[in-house]
Amino acid sequence: MTWPNQRLWQPYVGLVAVLPRDYYNERDPHARRPTVVVRVRQTDRACLVMTRTSDPLINHTDDIWHDKDPALLCDRQGWWQPHRVHRVDFGAYDDEDTKPHKRMTGDLLVRIIAAYEEFA
């Protein structure tokens, strides 16, 4: 229940979480993937997330290389994929299956946002 004038928690640009595929793409062959929020949309209480893959056999022409980074919930080297952006409701981040959440900052986030804006 929400009290009048109480602001609800919401995701923010740079929020990293490993989301179950049901929240971003039910047809994804992997059950869970690291995601990063690239845009927050207040109007429909949703955000846009970019997914990450560790599959070296995929064409990574426009992808952003990211080494193994346990601090950002990435247990293998991989690529953030600017052509794979999905809508996720704010409520997904309250689910116990999406915790913990981490905060991405710095050059990596700048490159990810720039790539998202280029593809948007």
N, C-alpha and C. Protein backbone atom coordinates (compact mmCIF):
# COMPACT_ATOMS: atom_id res chain seq x y z
N MET A 1 0.83 -1.18 0.00
CA MET A 1 0.00 0.00 0.00
C MET A 1 0.88 1.24 0.00
N THR A 2 0.47 2.24 -0.72
CA THR A 2 1.21 3.49 -0.79
C THR A 2 0.43 4.59 -0.09
N TRP A 3 1.09 5.35 0.72
CA TRP A 3 0.46 6.46 1.42
C TRP A 3 0.49 7.69 0.54
N PRO A 4 -0.49 8.56 0.68
CA PRO A 4 -0.50 9.80 -0.12
C PRO A 4 0.80 10.58 0.04
N ASN A 5 1.28 11.11 -1.06
CA ASN A 5 2.51 11.92 -1.10
C ASN A 5 3.78 11.14 -0.82
N GLN A 6 3.70 9.82 -0.73
CA GLN A 6 4.89 9.01 -0.53
C GLN A 6 5.42 8.60 -1.91
N ARG A 7 6.69 8.84 -2.13
CA ARG A 7 7.29 8.51 -3.41
C ARG A 7 7.73 7.04 -3.42
N LEU A 8 7.39 6.35 -4.49
CA LEU A 8 7.77 4.95 -4.62
C LEU A 8 9.22 4.83 -5.08
N TRP A 9 9.89 3.77 -4.66
CA TRP A 9 11.25 3.51 -5.12
C TRP A 9 11.20 3.23 -6.61
N GLN A 10 12.22 3.70 -7.30
CA GLN A 10 12.28 3.45 -8.73
C GLN A 10 13.71 3.19 -9.16
N PRO A 11 13.89 2.45 -10.24
CA PRO A 11 15.23 2.22 -10.79
C PRO A 11 15.82 3.53 -11.29
N TYR A 12 17.11 3.52 -11.56
CA TYR A 12 17.82 4.71 -12.03
C TYR A 12 18.81 4.27 -13.10
N VAL A 13 19.21 5.21 -13.94
CA VAL A 13 20.18 4.92 -15.00
C VAL A 13 21.48 4.45 -14.34
N GLY A 14 21.97 3.32 -14.80
CA GLY A 14 23.18 2.72 -14.25
C GLY A 14 22.90 1.60 -13.26
N LEU A 15 21.64 1.33 -12.96
CA LEU A 15 21.30 0.24 -12.04
C LEU A 15 21.53 -1.09 -12.76
N VAL A 16 22.32 -1.97 -12.15
CA VAL A 16 22.62 -3.29 -12.72
C VAL A 16 21.92 -4.34 -11.88
N ALA A 17 21.26 -5.27 -12.55
CA ALA A 17 20.62 -6.40 -11.89
C ALA A 17 20.62 -7.57 -12.86
N VAL A 18 20.63 -8.76 -12.31
CA VAL A 18 20.49 -9.96 -13.13
C VAL A 18 19.00 -10.29 -13.13
N LEU A 19 18.35 -10.03 -14.25
CA LEU A 19 16.90 -10.20 -14.34
C LEU A 19 16.51 -11.56 -14.92
N PRO A 20 15.46 -12.17 -14.38
CA PRO A 20 14.88 -13.34 -15.03
C PRO A 20 14.29 -12.91 -16.38
N ARG A 21 14.37 -13.78 -17.35
CA ARG A 21 13.91 -13.44 -18.71
C ARG A 21 12.45 -13.03 -18.76
N ASP A 22 11.63 -13.48 -17.81
CA ASP A 22 10.21 -13.12 -17.81
C ASP A 22 9.99 -11.61 -17.71
N TYR A 23 10.96 -10.89 -17.20
CA TYR A 23 10.81 -9.44 -17.04
C TYR A 23 11.21 -8.66 -18.29
N TYR A 24 12.06 -9.22 -19.13
CA TYR A 24 12.53 -8.43 -20.27
C TYR A 24 12.29 -9.09 -21.63
N ASN A 25 12.34 -10.44 -21.73
CA ASN A 25 12.15 -11.10 -23.02
C ASN A 25 11.90 -12.59 -22.77
N GLU A 26 10.65 -12.98 -22.79
CA GLU A 26 10.30 -14.37 -22.47
C GLU A 26 10.91 -15.38 -23.44
N ARG A 27 11.33 -14.94 -24.62
CA ARG A 27 11.91 -15.85 -25.62
C ARG A 27 13.42 -15.97 -25.52
N ASP A 28 14.04 -15.29 -24.57
CA ASP A 28 15.49 -15.38 -24.41
C ASP A 28 15.87 -16.83 -24.07
N PRO A 29 16.86 -17.40 -24.74
CA PRO A 29 17.25 -18.79 -24.45
C PRO A 29 17.89 -18.97 -23.07
N HIS A 30 18.33 -17.88 -22.45
CA HIS A 30 18.93 -17.95 -21.11
C HIS A 30 17.91 -17.51 -20.07
N ALA A 31 17.90 -18.18 -18.95
CA ALA A 31 16.91 -17.90 -17.91
C ALA A 31 17.13 -16.55 -17.23
N ARG A 32 18.38 -16.11 -17.14
CA ARG A 32 18.72 -14.85 -16.46
C ARG A 32 19.88 -14.19 -17.19
N ARG A 33 19.89 -12.86 -17.17
CA ARG A 33 20.99 -12.10 -17.79
C ARG A 33 21.27 -10.86 -16.98
N PRO A 34 22.54 -10.42 -16.96
CA PRO A 34 22.83 -9.10 -16.41
C PRO A 34 22.18 -8.04 -17.30
N THR A 35 21.61 -7.03 -16.68
CA THR A 35 21.00 -5.91 -17.41
C THR A 35 21.43 -4.61 -16.74
N VAL A 36 21.43 -3.54 -17.51
CA VAL A 36 21.70 -2.21 -16.96
C VAL A 36 20.61 -1.27 -17.45
N VAL A 37 20.11 -0.43 -16.56
CA VAL A 37 19.09 0.55 -16.92
C VAL A 37 19.75 1.67 -17.72
N VAL A 38 19.20 1.94 -18.92
CA VAL A 38 19.74 3.00 -19.77
C VAL A 38 18.78 4.19 -19.88
N ARG A 39 17.52 3.98 -19.45
CA ARG A 39 16.55 5.08 -19.49
C ARG A 39 15.42 4.78 -18.51
N VAL A 40 14.97 5.81 -17.82
CA VAL A 40 13.84 5.68 -16.89
C VAL A 40 12.67 6.47 -17.47
N ARG A 41 11.50 5.83 -17.50
CA ARG A 41 10.30 6.48 -18.05
C ARG A 41 9.26 6.59 -16.94
N GLN A 42 9.11 7.79 -16.40
CA GLN A 42 8.18 8.03 -15.32
C GLN A 42 6.73 7.81 -15.74
N THR A 43 6.42 8.18 -16.98
CA THR A 43 5.03 8.17 -17.42
C THR A 43 4.37 6.80 -17.33
N ASP A 44 5.09 5.74 -17.65
CA ASP A 44 4.50 4.40 -17.57
C ASP A 44 5.19 3.53 -16.52
N ARG A 45 5.93 4.17 -15.60
CA ARG A 45 6.62 3.49 -14.49
C ARG A 45 7.40 2.28 -15.00
N ALA A 46 8.21 2.56 -16.01
CA ALA A 46 9.04 1.50 -16.61
C ALA A 46 10.41 2.08 -16.94
N CYS A 47 11.33 1.19 -17.18
CA CYS A 47 12.66 1.62 -17.61
C CYS A 47 13.06 0.78 -18.81
N LEU A 48 14.08 1.22 -19.51
CA LEU A 48 14.64 0.47 -20.60
C LEU A 48 15.97 -0.09 -20.14
N VAL A 49 16.18 -1.37 -20.39
CA VAL A 49 17.41 -2.03 -19.97
C VAL A 49 18.14 -2.59 -21.17
N MET A 50 19.46 -2.59 -21.09
CA MET A 50 20.31 -3.21 -22.09
C MET A 50 20.81 -4.52 -21.48
N THR A 51 20.80 -5.57 -22.29
CA THR A 51 21.26 -6.87 -21.80
C THR A 51 22.73 -7.10 -22.16
N ARG A 52 23.29 -8.10 -21.50
CA ARG A 52 24.70 -8.45 -21.68
C ARG A 52 24.79 -9.93 -22.03
N THR A 53 25.71 -10.28 -22.90
CA THR A 53 25.93 -11.68 -23.25
C THR A 53 27.41 -12.01 -23.05
N SER A 54 27.66 -13.28 -22.79
CA SER A 54 29.05 -13.74 -22.70
C SER A 54 29.36 -14.72 -23.83
N ASP A 55 28.47 -14.82 -24.80
CA ASP A 55 28.64 -15.75 -25.92
C ASP A 55 29.62 -15.17 -26.94
N PRO A 56 30.82 -15.78 -27.08
CA PRO A 56 31.81 -15.25 -28.02
C PRO A 56 31.48 -15.51 -29.48
N LEU A 57 30.50 -16.36 -29.76
CA LEU A 57 30.18 -16.70 -31.15
C LEU A 57 29.22 -15.72 -31.82
N ILE A 58 28.70 -14.78 -31.06
CA ILE A 58 27.78 -13.78 -31.60
C ILE A 58 28.59 -12.67 -32.26
N ASN A 59 28.06 -12.07 -33.32
CA ASN A 59 28.70 -10.93 -33.96
C ASN A 59 28.61 -9.73 -33.02
N HIS A 60 29.73 -9.23 -32.55
CA HIS A 60 29.76 -8.15 -31.56
C HIS A 60 30.21 -6.82 -32.16
N THR A 61 29.86 -6.56 -33.39
CA THR A 61 30.32 -5.36 -34.09
C THR A 61 30.06 -4.08 -33.31
N ASP A 62 28.85 -3.87 -32.82
CA ASP A 62 28.51 -2.64 -32.11
C ASP A 62 28.42 -2.82 -30.60
N ASP A 63 28.76 -3.99 -30.11
CA ASP A 63 28.66 -4.27 -28.68
C ASP A 63 29.82 -3.64 -27.90
N ILE A 64 29.61 -3.54 -26.60
CA ILE A 64 30.60 -2.91 -25.73
C ILE A 64 31.24 -3.99 -24.86
N TRP A 65 32.52 -4.20 -25.08
CA TRP A 65 33.29 -5.20 -24.34
C TRP A 65 33.31 -4.84 -22.86
N HIS A 66 33.17 -5.87 -22.01
CA HIS A 66 33.23 -5.69 -20.56
C HIS A 66 33.85 -6.94 -19.97
N ASP A 67 34.97 -6.77 -19.32
CA ASP A 67 35.66 -7.91 -18.72
C ASP A 67 34.86 -8.47 -17.55
N LYS A 68 35.24 -9.61 -17.07
CA LYS A 68 34.64 -10.20 -15.88
C LYS A 68 34.65 -9.16 -14.77
N ASP A 69 33.51 -8.98 -14.10
CA ASP A 69 33.39 -7.91 -13.10
C ASP A 69 32.39 -8.32 -12.02
N PRO A 70 32.82 -9.14 -11.04
CA PRO A 70 31.90 -9.61 -10.00
C PRO A 70 31.24 -8.46 -9.22
N ALA A 71 31.89 -7.32 -9.13
CA ALA A 71 31.29 -6.18 -8.43
C ALA A 71 30.04 -5.68 -9.14
N LEU A 72 29.91 -5.98 -10.45
CA LEU A 72 28.72 -5.60 -11.21
C LEU A 72 27.89 -6.83 -11.61
N LEU A 73 28.04 -7.91 -10.84
CA LEU A 73 27.26 -9.13 -11.05
C LEU A 73 27.55 -9.83 -12.36
N CYS A 74 28.73 -9.59 -12.93
CA CYS A 74 29.13 -10.19 -14.20
C CYS A 74 30.27 -11.18 -13.93
N ASP A 75 29.93 -12.47 -13.89
CA ASP A 75 30.91 -13.48 -13.51
C ASP A 75 31.77 -13.98 -14.67
N ARG A 76 31.48 -13.50 -15.89
CA ARG A 76 32.27 -13.87 -17.06
C ARG A 76 32.51 -12.63 -17.92
N GLN A 77 33.56 -12.67 -18.73
CA GLN A 77 33.76 -11.56 -19.68
C GLN A 77 32.60 -11.58 -20.66
N GLY A 78 32.24 -10.41 -21.18
CA GLY A 78 31.10 -10.37 -22.08
C GLY A 78 30.94 -9.03 -22.78
N TRP A 79 29.76 -8.84 -23.36
CA TRP A 79 29.48 -7.66 -24.17
C TRP A 79 28.10 -7.13 -23.82
N TRP A 80 28.02 -5.82 -23.60
CA TRP A 80 26.72 -5.14 -23.48
C TRP A 80 26.24 -4.90 -24.89
N GLN A 81 24.96 -5.15 -25.15
CA GLN A 81 24.43 -5.15 -26.51
C GLN A 81 23.43 -4.01 -26.72
N PRO A 82 23.86 -2.90 -27.32
CA PRO A 82 22.97 -1.75 -27.49
C PRO A 82 21.78 -2.02 -28.41
N HIS A 83 21.83 -3.05 -29.22
CA HIS A 83 20.68 -3.38 -30.07
C HIS A 83 19.70 -4.30 -29.34
N ARG A 84 19.99 -4.63 -28.10
CA ARG A 84 19.08 -5.46 -27.29
C ARG A 84 18.64 -4.64 -26.07
N VAL A 85 17.64 -3.82 -26.28
CA VAL A 85 17.09 -2.98 -25.22
C VAL A 85 15.63 -3.38 -25.02
N HIS A 86 15.24 -3.54 -23.77
CA HIS A 86 13.91 -4.03 -23.44
C HIS A 86 13.26 -3.17 -22.37
N ARG A 87 11.94 -3.12 -22.40
CA ARG A 87 11.15 -2.40 -21.39
C ARG A 87 10.95 -3.30 -20.18
N VAL A 88 11.15 -2.74 -18.98
CA VAL A 88 10.96 -3.48 -17.73
C VAL A 88 10.19 -2.58 -16.76
N ASP A 89 9.13 -3.12 -16.16
CA ASP A 89 8.36 -2.37 -15.17
C ASP A 89 9.19 -2.14 -13.91
N PHE A 90 8.96 -1.01 -13.26
CA PHE A 90 9.67 -0.70 -12.01
C PHE A 90 9.53 -1.83 -10.99
N GLY A 91 8.36 -2.44 -10.93
CA GLY A 91 8.10 -3.49 -9.94
C GLY A 91 9.03 -4.68 -10.04
N ALA A 92 9.64 -4.90 -11.18
CA ALA A 92 10.57 -6.04 -11.34
C ALA A 92 11.72 -5.95 -10.35
N TYR A 93 12.10 -4.74 -9.98
CA TYR A 93 13.25 -4.56 -9.10
C TYR A 93 12.92 -4.78 -7.63
N ASP A 94 11.65 -4.99 -7.32
CA ASP A 94 11.25 -5.33 -5.96
C ASP A 94 11.21 -6.83 -5.74
N ASP A 95 11.29 -7.60 -6.82
CA ASP A 95 11.24 -9.05 -6.75
C ASP A 95 12.54 -9.57 -6.14
N GLU A 96 12.42 -10.53 -5.25
CA GLU A 96 13.61 -11.11 -4.60
C GLU A 96 14.55 -11.76 -5.62
N ASP A 97 14.01 -12.23 -6.76
CA ASP A 97 14.84 -12.87 -7.79
C ASP A 97 15.74 -11.88 -8.52
N THR A 98 15.51 -10.58 -8.37
CA THR A 98 16.33 -9.59 -9.08
C THR A 98 17.37 -8.95 -8.17
N LYS A 99 17.44 -9.35 -6.94
CA LYS A 99 18.41 -8.75 -6.02
C LYS A 99 19.64 -9.63 -5.95
N PRO A 100 20.82 -9.09 -5.73
CA PRO A 100 21.09 -7.69 -5.36
C PRO A 100 21.13 -6.77 -6.58
N HIS A 101 21.09 -5.48 -6.31
CA HIS A 101 21.25 -4.45 -7.33
C HIS A 101 22.60 -3.80 -7.12
N LYS A 102 23.24 -3.41 -8.19
CA LYS A 102 24.53 -2.72 -8.12
C LYS A 102 24.43 -1.42 -8.92
N ARG A 103 25.34 -0.50 -8.68
CA ARG A 103 25.36 0.78 -9.38
C ARG A 103 26.58 0.85 -10.29
N MET A 104 26.33 1.03 -11.58
CA MET A 104 27.41 1.20 -12.55
C MET A 104 27.68 2.70 -12.69
N THR A 105 28.94 3.06 -12.72
CA THR A 105 29.34 4.45 -12.92
C THR A 105 30.54 4.48 -13.85
N GLY A 106 31.03 5.67 -14.15
CA GLY A 106 32.27 5.82 -14.88
C GLY A 106 32.17 5.64 -16.38
N ASP A 107 33.33 5.38 -16.96
CA ASP A 107 33.48 5.31 -18.42
C ASP A 107 32.60 4.24 -19.05
N LEU A 108 32.48 3.09 -18.40
CA LEU A 108 31.66 2.01 -18.97
C LEU A 108 30.22 2.48 -19.14
N LEU A 109 29.66 3.12 -18.14
CA LEU A 109 28.28 3.61 -18.24
C LEU A 109 28.16 4.68 -19.32
N VAL A 110 29.13 5.55 -19.42
CA VAL A 110 29.12 6.60 -20.45
C VAL A 110 29.09 5.96 -21.84
N ARG A 111 29.92 4.94 -22.06
CA ARG A 111 29.94 4.26 -23.36
C ARG A 111 28.64 3.52 -23.65
N ILE A 112 28.05 2.91 -22.63
CA ILE A 112 26.79 2.20 -22.80
C ILE A 112 25.66 3.17 -23.16
N ILE A 113 25.57 4.28 -22.45
CA ILE A 113 24.52 5.27 -22.73
C ILE A 113 24.71 5.85 -24.13
N ALA A 114 25.93 6.15 -24.52
CA ALA A 114 26.19 6.69 -25.86
C ALA A 114 25.77 5.68 -26.93
N ALA A 115 26.06 4.41 -26.72
CA ALA A 115 25.67 3.38 -27.69
C ALA A 115 24.15 3.23 -27.74
N TYR A 116 23.50 3.29 -26.59
CA TYR A 116 22.04 3.22 -26.56
C TYR A 116 21.44 4.38 -27.35
N GLU A 117 21.93 5.58 -27.11
CA GLU A 117 21.39 6.76 -27.79
C GLU A 117 21.62 6.69 -29.30
N GLU A 118 22.72 6.09 -29.70
CA GLU A 118 23.00 5.93 -31.12
C GLU A 118 21.99 4.98 -31.78
N PHE A 119 21.59 3.93 -31.07
CA PHE A 119 20.66 2.96 -31.62
C PHE A 119 19.20 3.36 -31.44
N ALA A 120 18.91 4.24 -30.49
CA ALA A 120 17.51 4.62 -30.18
C ALA A 120 16.87 5.40 -31.29
